[in-house]
Amino acid sequence: MTQKDKMFQMVLDDPELQDVYGYSRKDYDEDVYEAINSSNPIVSAVAKIIVGLNGSDDPGEQKRVYQTIFKYLNDNLLV
């Protein structure tokens, strides 16, 4: 298991997030790269953030990832 996989699972294992967004462990039982294409928008968004940032502290990169995730969530949750 990679560091990204561990971070991905650690974020999604949060019981409050699971309760608020209505997902369970079975929704993210894959690695972070497979989860990018998850049918669950929250699981996919978390995977996209972790892969997209790749540990970067660059504000420009963070803004790009933010904009990508914002658009993705708007397109998939506000339909």
PDB file of N, CA and C in Angstrom:
ATOM      1  N   MET A   1       0.850  -1.176   0.000  1.00  0.00           N
ATOM      2  CA  MET A   1       0.000   0.000   0.000  1.00  0.00           C
ATOM      3  C   MET A   1       0.895   1.239   0.000  1.00  0.00           C
ATOM      4  N   THR A   2       0.617   2.153  -0.906  1.00  0.00           N
ATOM      5  CA  THR A   2       1.429   3.369  -1.022  1.00  0.00           C
ATOM      6  C   THR A   2       1.000   4.410   0.015  1.00  0.00           C
ATOM      7  N   GLN A   3       1.814   5.446   0.168  1.00  0.00           N
ATOM      8  CA  GLN A   3       1.470   6.539   1.071  1.00  0.00           C
ATOM      9  C   GLN A   3       0.167   7.214   0.626  1.00  0.00           C
ATOM     10  N   LYS A   4      -0.008   7.366  -0.680  1.00  0.00           N
ATOM     11  CA  LYS A   4      -1.235   7.983  -1.193  1.00  0.00           C
ATOM     12  C   LYS A   4      -2.448   7.126  -0.858  1.00  0.00           C
ATOM     13  N   ASP A   5      -2.297   5.803  -0.987  1.00  0.00           N
ATOM     14  CA  ASP A   5      -3.395   4.900  -0.637  1.00  0.00           C
ATOM     15  C   ASP A   5      -3.739   5.020   0.843  1.00  0.00           C
ATOM     16  N   LYS A   6      -2.720   5.097   1.680  1.00  0.00           N
ATOM     17  CA  LYS A   6      -2.944   5.223   3.120  1.00  0.00           C
ATOM     18  C   LYS A   6      -3.656   6.529   3.451  1.00  0.00           C
ATOM     19  N   MET A   7      -3.225   7.619   2.831  1.00  0.00           N
ATOM     20  CA  MET A   7      -3.855   8.918   3.070  1.00  0.00           C
ATOM     21  C   MET A   7      -5.303   8.889   2.597  1.00  0.00           C
ATOM     22  N   PHE A   8      -5.530   8.326   1.431  1.00  0.00           N
ATOM     23  CA  PHE A   8      -6.865   8.205   0.856  1.00  0.00           C
ATOM     24  C   PHE A   8      -7.795   7.460   1.814  1.00  0.00           C
ATOM     25  N   GLN A   9      -7.358   6.322   2.285  1.00  0.00           N
ATOM     26  CA  GLN A   9      -8.184   5.532   3.192  1.00  0.00           C
ATOM     27  C   GLN A   9      -8.370   6.216   4.544  1.00  0.00           C
ATOM     28  N   MET A  10      -7.330   6.889   5.020  1.00  0.00           N
ATOM     29  CA  MET A  10      -7.423   7.571   6.296  1.00  0.00           C
ATOM     30  C   MET A  10      -8.485   8.686   6.244  1.00  0.00           C
ATOM     31  N   VAL A  11      -8.504   9.447   5.175  1.00  0.00           N
ATOM     32  CA  VAL A  11      -9.494  10.518   5.035  1.00  0.00           C
ATOM     33  C   VAL A  11     -10.901   9.921   4.968  1.00  0.00           C
ATOM     34  N   LEU A  12     -11.077   8.924   4.115  1.00  0.00           N
ATOM     35  CA  LEU A  12     -12.414   8.373   3.922  1.00  0.00           C
ATOM     36  C   LEU A  12     -12.890   7.496   5.073  1.00  0.00           C
ATOM     37  N   ASP A  13     -11.983   7.050   5.928  1.00  0.00           N
ATOM     38  CA  ASP A  13     -12.373   6.274   7.111  1.00  0.00           C
ATOM     39  C   ASP A  13     -13.015   7.139   8.191  1.00  0.00           C
ATOM     40  N   ASP A  14     -13.001   8.439   8.022  1.00  0.00           N
ATOM     41  CA  ASP A  14     -13.576   9.340   9.027  1.00  0.00           C
ATOM     42  C   ASP A  14     -15.079   9.084   9.153  1.00  0.00           C
ATOM     43  N   PRO A  15     -15.537   8.682  10.347  1.00  0.00           N
ATOM     44  CA  PRO A  15     -16.950   8.345  10.518  1.00  0.00           C
ATOM     45  C   PRO A  15     -17.901   9.528  10.293  1.00  0.00           C
ATOM     46  N   GLU A  16     -17.458  10.732  10.612  1.00  0.00           N
ATOM     47  CA  GLU A  16     -18.314  11.903  10.380  1.00  0.00           C
ATOM     48  C   GLU A  16     -18.521  12.147   8.894  1.00  0.00           C
ATOM     49  N   LEU A  17     -17.461  12.030   8.113  1.00  0.00           N
ATOM     50  CA  LEU A  17     -17.604  12.187   6.658  1.00  0.00           C
ATOM     51  C   LEU A  17     -18.512  11.101   6.096  1.00  0.00           C
ATOM     52  N   GLN A  18     -18.325   9.878   6.561  1.00  0.00           N
ATOM     53  CA  GLN A  18     -19.167   8.776   6.083  1.00  0.00           C
ATOM     54  C   GLN A  18     -20.636   9.046   6.393  1.00  0.00           C
ATOM     55  N   ASP A  19     -20.892   9.558   7.582  1.00  0.00           N
ATOM     56  CA  ASP A  19     -22.261   9.836   7.982  1.00  0.00           C
ATOM     57  C   ASP A  19     -22.872  10.975   7.156  1.00  0.00           C
ATOM     58  N   VAL A  20     -22.132  12.054   7.004  1.00  0.00           N
ATOM     59  CA  VAL A  20     -22.644  13.223   6.280  1.00  0.00           C
ATOM     60  C   VAL A  20     -22.851  12.925   4.793  1.00  0.00           C
ATOM     61  N   TYR A  21     -21.905  12.214   4.178  1.00  0.00           N
ATOM     62  CA  TYR A  21     -21.961  12.003   2.729  1.00  0.00           C
ATOM     63  C   TYR A  21     -22.502  10.642   2.325  1.00  0.00           C
ATOM     64  N   GLY A  22     -22.826   9.796   3.299  1.00  0.00           N
ATOM     65  CA  GLY A  22     -23.517   8.547   3.009  1.00  0.00           C
ATOM     66  C   GLY A  22     -22.751   7.534   2.186  1.00  0.00           C
ATOM     67  N   TYR A  23     -21.495   7.363   2.466  1.00  0.00           N
ATOM     68  CA  TYR A  23     -20.725   6.322   1.792  1.00  0.00           C
ATOM     69  C   TYR A  23     -20.211   5.352   2.851  1.00  0.00           C
ATOM     70  N   SER A  24     -19.748   4.193   2.401  1.00  0.00           N
ATOM     71  CA  SER A  24     -19.204   3.204   3.324  1.00  0.00           C
ATOM     72  C   SER A  24     -17.900   2.648   2.767  1.00  0.00           C
ATOM     73  N   ARG A  25     -17.266   1.827   3.547  1.00  0.00           N
ATOM     74  CA  ARG A  25     -15.961   1.257   3.175  1.00  0.00           C
ATOM     75  C   ARG A  25     -16.014   0.560   1.816  1.00  0.00           C
ATOM     76  N   LYS A  26     -17.119  -0.065   1.495  1.00  0.00           N
ATOM     77  CA  LYS A  26     -17.216  -0.764   0.205  1.00  0.00           C
ATOM     78  C   LYS A  26     -17.143   0.198  -0.980  1.00  0.00           C
ATOM     79  N   ASP A  27     -17.406   1.478  -0.744  1.00  0.00           N
ATOM     80  CA  ASP A  27     -17.351   2.470  -1.815  1.00  0.00           C
ATOM     81  C   ASP A  27     -15.929   2.893  -2.168  1.00  0.00           C
ATOM     82  N   TYR A  28     -14.964   2.546  -1.333  1.00  0.00           N
ATOM     83  CA  TYR A  28     -13.577   2.944  -1.617  1.00  0.00           C
ATOM     84  C   TYR A  28     -12.589   1.838  -1.259  1.00  0.00           C
ATOM     85  N   ASP A  29     -12.939   0.649  -1.637  1.00  0.00           N
ATOM     86  CA  ASP A  29     -12.098  -0.506  -1.342  1.00  0.00           C
ATOM     87  C   ASP A  29     -11.052  -0.737  -2.445  1.00  0.00           C
ATOM     88  N   GLU A  30     -10.703   0.302  -3.163  1.00  0.00           N
ATOM     89  CA  GLU A  30      -9.700   0.191  -4.212  1.00  0.00           C
ATOM     90  C   GLU A  30      -8.540   1.137  -3.905  1.00  0.00           C
ATOM     91  N   ASP A  31      -7.524   1.116  -4.765  1.00  0.00           N
ATOM     92  CA  ASP A  31      -6.427   2.050  -4.524  1.00  0.00           C
ATOM     93  C   ASP A  31      -6.830   3.432  -5.028  1.00  0.00           C
ATOM     94  N   VAL A  32      -6.033   4.410  -4.664  1.00  0.00           N
ATOM     95  CA  VAL A  32      -6.371   5.808  -4.933  1.00  0.00           C
ATOM     96  C   VAL A  32      -6.520   6.088  -6.429  1.00  0.00           C
ATOM     97  N   TYR A  33      -5.732   5.424  -7.273  1.00  0.00           N
ATOM     98  CA  TYR A  33      -5.818   5.678  -8.714  1.00  0.00           C
ATOM     99  C   TYR A  33      -7.094   5.085  -9.312  1.00  0.00           C
ATOM    100  N   GLU A  34      -7.514   3.924  -8.829  1.00  0.00           N
ATOM    101  CA  GLU A  34      -8.771   3.341  -9.293  1.00  0.00           C
ATOM    102  C   GLU A  34      -9.950   4.171  -8.793  1.00  0.00           C
ATOM    103  N   ALA A  35      -9.824   4.725  -7.594  1.00  0.00           N
ATOM    104  CA  ALA A  35     -10.912   5.488  -6.981  1.00  0.00           C
ATOM    105  C   ALA A  35     -11.201   6.787  -7.710  1.00  0.00           C
ATOM    106  N   ILE A  36     -10.273   7.267  -8.499  1.00  0.00           N
ATOM    107  CA  ILE A  36     -10.519   8.489  -9.277  1.00  0.00           C
ATOM    108  C   ILE A  36     -11.760   8.321 -10.146  1.00  0.00           C
ATOM    109  N   ASN A  37     -11.997   7.103 -10.614  1.00  0.00           N
ATOM    110  CA  ASN A  37     -13.144   6.830 -11.484  1.00  0.00           C
ATOM    111  C   ASN A  37     -14.336   6.252 -10.722  1.00  0.00           C
ATOM    112  N   SER A  38     -14.352   6.398  -9.412  1.00  0.00           N
ATOM    113  CA  SER A  38     -15.439   5.873  -8.601  1.00  0.00           C
ATOM    114  C   SER A  38     -16.766   6.512  -8.999  1.00  0.00           C
ATOM    115  N   SER A  39     -17.839   5.752  -8.877  1.00  0.00           N
ATOM    116  CA  SER A  39     -19.171   6.303  -9.148  1.00  0.00           C
ATOM    117  C   SER A  39     -19.643   7.197  -8.001  1.00  0.00           C
ATOM    118  N   ASN A  40     -18.964   7.127  -6.861  1.00  0.00           N
ATOM    119  CA  ASN A  40     -19.288   7.988  -5.725  1.00  0.00           C
ATOM    120  C   ASN A  40     -18.474   9.281  -5.855  1.00  0.00           C
ATOM    121  N   PRO A  41     -19.122  10.424  -6.034  1.00  0.00           N
ATOM    122  CA  PRO A  41     -18.396  11.683  -6.256  1.00  0.00           C
ATOM    123  C   PRO A  41     -17.469  12.085  -5.108  1.00  0.00           C
ATOM    124  N   ILE A  42     -17.827  11.779  -3.868  1.00  0.00           N
ATOM    125  CA  ILE A  42     -16.983  12.139  -2.733  1.00  0.00           C
ATOM    126  C   ILE A  42     -15.706  11.315  -2.755  1.00  0.00           C
ATOM    127  N   VAL A  43     -15.839  10.019  -2.990  1.00  0.00           N
ATOM    128  CA  VAL A  43     -14.675   9.129  -3.061  1.00  0.00           C
ATOM    129  C   VAL A  43     -13.764   9.576  -4.202  1.00  0.00           C
ATOM    130  N   SER A  44     -14.351   9.848  -5.348  1.00  0.00           N
ATOM    131  CA  SER A  44     -13.572  10.285  -6.500  1.00  0.00           C
ATOM    132  C   SER A  44     -12.878  11.617  -6.232  1.00  0.00           C
ATOM    133  N   ALA A  45     -13.575  12.559  -5.595  1.00  0.00           N
ATOM    134  CA  ALA A  45     -12.992  13.878  -5.311  1.00  0.00           C
ATOM    135  C   ALA A  45     -11.799  13.766  -4.368  1.00  0.00           C
ATOM    136  N   VAL A  46     -11.924  12.958  -3.319  1.00  0.00           N
ATOM    137  CA  VAL A  46     -10.805  12.788  -2.386  1.00  0.00           C
ATOM    138  C   VAL A  46      -9.610  12.181  -3.118  1.00  0.00           C
ATOM    139  N   ALA A  47      -9.850  11.190  -3.960  1.00  0.00           N
ATOM    140  CA  ALA A  47      -8.764  10.578  -4.731  1.00  0.00           C
ATOM    141  C   ALA A  47      -8.116  11.603  -5.661  1.00  0.00           C
ATOM    142  N   LYS A  48      -8.933  12.412  -6.321  1.00  0.00           N
ATOM    143  CA  LYS A  48      -8.397  13.428  -7.240  1.00  0.00           C
ATOM    144  C   LYS A  48      -7.550  14.461  -6.493  1.00  0.00           C
ATOM    145  N   ILE A  49      -7.957  14.823  -5.298  1.00  0.00           N
ATOM    146  CA  ILE A  49      -7.180  15.784  -4.511  1.00  0.00           C
ATOM    147  C   ILE A  49      -5.820  15.183  -4.146  1.00  0.00           C
ATOM    148  N   ILE A  50      -5.817  13.969  -3.649  1.00  0.00           N
ATOM    149  CA  ILE A  50      -4.570  13.340  -3.211  1.00  0.00           C
ATOM    150  C   ILE A  50      -3.620  13.131  -4.383  1.00  0.00           C
ATOM    151  N   VAL A  51      -4.141  12.631  -5.490  1.00  0.00           N
ATOM    152  CA  VAL A  51      -3.291  12.413  -6.661  1.00  0.00           C
ATOM    153  C   VAL A  51      -2.874  13.736  -7.280  1.00  0.00           C
ATOM    154  N   GLY A  52      -3.819  14.678  -7.365  1.00  0.00           N
ATOM    155  CA  GLY A  52      -3.538  15.964  -8.007  1.00  0.00           C
ATOM    156  C   GLY A  52      -2.496  16.785  -7.281  1.00  0.00           C
ATOM    157  N   LEU A  53      -2.577  16.826  -5.966  1.00  0.00           N
ATOM    158  CA  LEU A  53      -1.609  17.626  -5.201  1.00  0.00           C
ATOM    159  C   LEU A  53      -0.248  16.943  -5.123  1.00  0.00           C
ATOM    160  N   ASN A  54      -0.247  15.643  -5.011  1.00  0.00           N
ATOM    161  CA  ASN A  54       1.003  14.882  -4.984  1.00  0.00           C
ATOM    162  C   ASN A  54       2.012  15.484  -4.000  1.00  0.00           C
ATOM    163  N   GLY A  55       1.520  15.978  -2.863  1.00  0.00           N
ATOM    164  CA  GLY A  55       2.393  16.535  -1.833  1.00  0.00           C
ATOM    165  C   GLY A  55       2.904  17.933  -2.122  1.00  0.00           C
ATOM    166  N   SER A  56       2.383  18.582  -3.146  1.00  0.00           N
ATOM    167  CA  SER A  56       2.867  19.903  -3.540  1.00  0.00           C
ATOM    168  C   SER A  56       2.394  20.993  -2.578  1.00  0.00           C
ATOM    169  N   ASP A  57       3.295  21.922  -2.284  1.00  0.00           N
ATOM    170  CA  ASP A  57       2.967  23.109  -1.497  1.00  0.00           C
ATOM    171  C   ASP A  57       2.807  24.343  -2.380  1.00  0.00           C
ATOM    172  N   ASP A  58       2.917  24.159  -3.690  1.00  0.00           N
ATOM    173  CA  ASP A  58       2.842  25.266  -4.644  1.00  0.00           C
ATOM    174  C   ASP A  58       1.413  25.821  -4.694  1.00  0.00           C
ATOM    175  N   PRO A  59       1.230  27.099  -4.365  1.00  0.00           N
ATOM    176  CA  PRO A  59      -0.115  27.692  -4.379  1.00  0.00           C
ATOM    177  C   PRO A  59      -0.798  27.612  -5.739  1.00  0.00           C
ATOM    178  N   GLY A  60      -0.044  27.719  -6.805  1.00  0.00           N
ATOM    179  CA  GLY A  60      -0.617  27.619  -8.150  1.00  0.00           C
ATOM    180  C   GLY A  60      -1.163  26.224  -8.411  1.00  0.00           C
ATOM    181  N   GLU A  61      -0.438  25.227  -7.993  1.00  0.00           N
ATOM    182  CA  GLU A  61      -0.877  23.836  -8.153  1.00  0.00           C
ATOM    183  C   GLU A  61      -2.098  23.562  -7.277  1.00  0.00           C
ATOM    184  N   GLN A  62      -2.085  24.075  -6.066  1.00  0.00           N
ATOM    185  CA  GLN A  62      -3.220  23.895  -5.166  1.00  0.00           C
ATOM    186  C   GLN A  62      -4.473  24.546  -5.737  1.00  0.00           C
ATOM    187  N   LYS A  63      -4.321  25.719  -6.335  1.00  0.00           N
ATOM    188  CA  LYS A  63      -5.457  26.417  -6.942  1.00  0.00           C
ATOM    189  C   LYS A  63      -6.005  25.625  -8.121  1.00  0.00           C
ATOM    190  N   ARG A  64      -5.113  25.075  -8.932  1.00  0.00           N
ATOM    191  CA  ARG A  64      -5.540  24.274 -10.080  1.00  0.00           C
ATOM    192  C   ARG A  64      -6.344  23.061  -9.618  1.00  0.00           C
ATOM    193  N   VAL A  65      -5.841  22.364  -8.593  1.00  0.00           N
ATOM    194  CA  VAL A  65      -6.546  21.190  -8.072  1.00  0.00           C
ATOM    195  C   VAL A  65      -7.890  21.612  -7.490  1.00  0.00           C
ATOM    196  N   TYR A  66      -7.916  22.703  -6.737  1.00  0.00           N
ATOM    197  CA  TYR A  66      -9.163  23.209  -6.153  1.00  0.00           C
ATOM    198  C   TYR A  66     -10.201  23.470  -7.250  1.00  0.00           C
ATOM    199  N   GLN A  67      -9.796  24.153  -8.296  1.00  0.00           N
ATOM    200  CA  GLN A  67     -10.726  24.476  -9.371  1.00  0.00           C
ATOM    201  C   GLN A  67     -11.246  23.212 -10.058  1.00  0.00           C
ATOM    202  N   THR A  68     -10.376  22.254 -10.256  1.00  0.00           N
ATOM    203  CA  THR A  68     -10.766  20.991 -10.877  1.00  0.00           C
ATOM    204  C   THR A  68     -11.788  20.255 -10.011  1.00  0.00           C
ATOM    205  N   ILE A  69     -11.508  20.166  -8.712  1.00  0.00           N
ATOM    206  CA  ILE A  69     -12.414  19.458  -7.801  1.00  0.00           C
ATOM    207  C   ILE A  69     -13.729  20.213  -7.652  1.00  0.00           C
ATOM    208  N   PHE A  70     -13.674  21.526  -7.547  1.00  0.00           N
ATOM    209  CA  PHE A  70     -14.880  22.344  -7.435  1.00  0.00           C
ATOM    210  C   PHE A  70     -15.804  22.107  -8.633  1.00  0.00           C
ATOM    211  N   LYS A  71     -15.238  22.140  -9.823  1.00  0.00           N
ATOM    212  CA  LYS A  71     -16.031  21.906 -11.035  1.00  0.00           C
ATOM    213  C   LYS A  71     -16.577  20.489 -11.047  1.00  0.00           C
ATOM    214  N   TYR A  72     -15.741  19.515 -10.701  1.00  0.00           N
ATOM    215  CA  TYR A  72     -16.179  18.119 -10.694  1.00  0.00           C
ATOM    216  C   TYR A  72     -17.362  17.919  -9.739  1.00  0.00           C
ATOM    217  N   LEU A  73     -17.262  18.440  -8.525  1.00  0.00           N
ATOM    218  CA  LEU A  73     -18.335  18.267  -7.551  1.00  0.00           C
ATOM    219  C   LEU A  73     -19.610  18.991  -7.993  1.00  0.00           C
ATOM    220  N   ASN A  74     -19.460  20.185  -8.534  1.00  0.00           N
ATOM    221  CA  ASN A  74     -20.630  20.910  -9.036  1.00  0.00           C
ATOM    222  C   ASN A  74     -21.314  20.146 -10.164  1.00  0.00           C
ATOM    223  N   ASP A  75     -20.519  19.570 -11.045  1.00  0.00           N
ATOM    224  CA  ASP A  75     -21.077  18.810 -12.174  1.00  0.00           C
ATOM    225  C   ASP A  75     -21.731  17.506 -11.727  1.00  0.00           C
ATOM    226  N   ASN A  76     -21.255  16.924 -10.629  1.00  0.00           N
ATOM    227  CA  ASN A  76     -21.740  15.606 -10.233  1.00  0.00           C
ATOM    228  C   ASN A  76     -22.677  15.597  -9.032  1.00  0.00           C
ATOM    229  N   LEU A  77     -22.679  16.619  -8.234  1.00  0.00           N
ATOM    230  CA  LEU A  77     -23.556  16.646  -7.077  1.00  0.00           C
ATOM    231  C   LEU A  77     -24.726  17.601  -7.218  1.00  0.00           C
ATOM    232  N   LEU A  78     -24.598  18.559  -8.098  1.00  0.00           N
ATOM    233  CA  LEU A  78     -25.659  19.554  -8.263  1.00  0.00           C
ATOM    234  C   LEU A  78     -26.459  19.335  -9.543  1.00  0.00           C
ATOM    235  N   VAL A  79     -26.483  18.116  -9.976  1.00  0.00           N
ATOM    236  CA  VAL A  79     -27.184  17.769 -11.218  1.00  0.00           C
ATOM    237  C   VAL A  79     -28.670  17.682 -10.985  1.00  0.00           C
TER     238      VAL A  79
END
